[in-house]
Structure formats: structure tokens, C-alpha cells
Amino acid sequence: MPSPGLSGLSGELGPWTRSDRAEFYHAGTHAQQWFLRLDQADVEAVQYAVKLGSWVRSGVKWALRAFWFFTAGLGAALTIGENLQKLPGMISGTLSALRGLFGG
């Protein structure tokens, strides 16, 4: 039985005071509801917020990965393009050197 000062706060979830703290992280959902004095809608809201936070964190992680992959790919493409631009000059220089070497 709760003390006379807490009798108005007792119910199916048990007596509680404002100094109660949720320190039982290992407890199941029903025990957490009792410790936190949450109804089903509050628990669902907390679960939704956690899922949403997880999705946002995952989205940020993949956006950063995509940015770095794009940056690395763009750098590689520009490097390859720059080298391909020099290719006709290299071929022409090689052919000229071969002509000069064989006395053509």
C-alpha cells in the first residue's frame, strides 16, 4: 500500500514520485512502461523516434559515402581524360622517334 501522501498517484502502474528515474535499461517493454509510467501511445512514439533517428543516421552515412565515391570517381575521370588528351601527342612523338631511329 502506498503511503497516504501518494495514494492519489497509485493505480495499475503502481505508486510513483517525481524523483523516480528510469535506470533499468535491460528491462522488457512492459517493465519499461511501468518504470517510465508511459502508456502504449507514448512507447510507440519513442520507438518511432528511435527508428526515425536510425534512418536519418543511416541516410547521412550513405550520403557521405556517395559524395566521397563521386568525388573519387570524378577525380579519376578527370585524370584519365587529361592523360587521354596527351595520347595523340605521345603517339605522334613515338612515331617520329621511330622514323628518326630507322632513318625514314
Protein backbone atom coordinates (compact mmCIF):
# COMPACT_ATOMS: atom_id res chain seq x y z
CA MET A 1 0.00 0.00 0.00
CA PRO A 2 1.30 3.43 -0.84
CA SER A 3 1.75 5.99 1.87
CA PRO A 4 -1.20 8.35 2.44
CA GLY A 5 0.56 11.17 0.57
CA LEU A 6 0.95 9.02 -2.53
CA SER A 7 -2.43 7.31 -2.57
CA GLY A 8 -3.74 9.64 -5.31
CA LEU A 9 -0.83 8.65 -7.54
CA SER A 10 -1.32 4.92 -7.25
CA GLY A 11 -3.01 2.92 -9.94
CA GLU A 12 -2.43 -0.10 -12.10
CA LEU A 13 1.05 1.22 -12.93
CA GLY A 14 1.94 1.50 -9.25
CA PRO A 15 2.78 4.41 -6.95
CA TRP A 16 5.42 6.83 -8.10
CA THR A 17 7.07 10.13 -7.25
CA ARG A 18 8.78 12.73 -9.39
CA SER A 19 12.19 11.59 -8.12
CA ASP A 20 11.83 8.20 -9.86
CA ARG A 21 14.41 7.63 -12.59
CA ALA A 22 14.49 5.12 -15.44
CA GLU A 23 17.65 3.11 -14.74
CA PHE A 24 16.55 -0.32 -15.89
CA TYR A 25 17.68 -0.43 -19.50
CA HIS A 26 17.73 -4.24 -19.54
CA ALA A 27 14.02 -4.47 -18.73
CA GLY A 28 11.34 -5.50 -21.24
CA THR A 29 8.79 -3.17 -22.80
CA HIS A 30 6.13 -3.79 -20.16
CA ALA A 31 8.62 -3.21 -17.36
CA GLN A 32 9.82 -0.04 -19.07
CA GLN A 33 6.23 1.16 -19.27
CA TRP A 34 5.91 0.63 -15.52
CA PHE A 35 9.26 2.32 -14.75
CA LEU A 36 8.63 5.26 -17.09
CA ARG A 37 4.87 5.47 -16.48
CA LEU A 38 4.23 5.55 -20.25
CA ASP A 39 1.11 4.42 -22.00
CA GLN A 40 1.19 2.46 -25.25
CA ALA A 41 0.97 5.59 -27.44
CA ASP A 42 3.99 7.13 -25.68
CA VAL A 43 6.01 3.92 -26.09
CA GLU A 44 5.11 3.79 -29.80
CA ALA A 45 6.12 7.45 -30.19
CA VAL A 46 9.50 6.75 -28.56
CA GLN A 47 10.02 3.68 -30.77
CA TYR A 48 9.12 5.73 -33.86
CA ALA A 49 11.57 8.47 -32.86
CA VAL A 50 14.35 5.92 -32.39
CA LYS A 51 13.62 4.31 -35.79
CA LEU A 52 13.48 7.73 -37.45
CA GLY A 53 16.81 8.69 -35.86
CA SER A 54 18.33 5.45 -37.08
CA TRP A 55 17.09 6.05 -40.63
CA VAL A 56 18.39 9.64 -40.60
CA ARG A 57 21.79 8.50 -39.32
CA SER A 58 21.94 5.77 -41.98
CA GLY A 59 20.91 8.27 -44.67
CA VAL A 60 23.62 10.72 -43.64
CA LYS A 61 26.20 7.91 -43.62
CA TRP A 62 25.26 6.77 -47.15
CA ALA A 63 25.07 10.36 -48.45
CA LEU A 64 28.61 10.97 -47.23
CA ARG A 65 29.79 7.71 -48.80
CA ALA A 66 28.11 8.63 -52.10
CA PHE A 67 29.76 12.06 -52.00
CA TRP A 68 33.21 10.58 -51.43
CA PHE A 69 32.70 7.92 -54.14
CA PHE A 70 31.52 10.62 -56.57
CA THR A 71 34.50 12.82 -55.73
CA ALA A 72 36.97 9.96 -56.15
CA GLY A 73 35.32 8.89 -59.43
CA LEU A 74 35.31 12.43 -60.77
CA GLY A 75 38.98 12.84 -59.88
CA ALA A 76 39.83 9.56 -61.62
CA ALA A 77 37.79 10.51 -64.71
CA LEU A 78 39.49 13.91 -64.96
CA THR A 79 42.91 12.31 -64.59
CA ILE A 80 42.15 9.72 -67.27
CA GLY A 81 40.72 12.42 -69.54
CA GLU A 82 43.81 14.55 -69.10
CA ASN A 83 46.05 11.60 -69.97
CA LEU A 84 43.88 10.74 -73.00
CA GLN A 85 44.26 14.31 -74.22
CA LYS A 86 48.02 13.82 -74.24
CA LEU A 87 47.76 10.46 -76.05
CA PRO A 88 47.77 11.74 -79.69
CA GLY A 89 50.88 13.81 -78.97
CA MET A 90 52.57 10.81 -77.35
CA ILE A 91 51.72 8.56 -80.34
CA SER A 92 52.92 11.20 -82.79
CA GLY A 93 56.15 11.68 -80.82
CA THR A 94 56.76 7.94 -80.65
CA LEU A 95 56.22 7.53 -84.42
CA SER A 96 58.56 10.45 -85.14
CA ALA A 97 61.21 8.94 -82.89
CA LEU A 98 60.86 5.58 -84.64
CA ARG A 99 61.16 7.22 -88.08
CA GLY A 100 64.25 9.06 -86.92
CA LEU A 101 65.69 5.88 -85.46
CA PHE A 102 65.21 3.82 -88.60
CA GLY A 103 66.28 6.63 -90.90
CA GLY A 104 62.98 7.18 -92.56
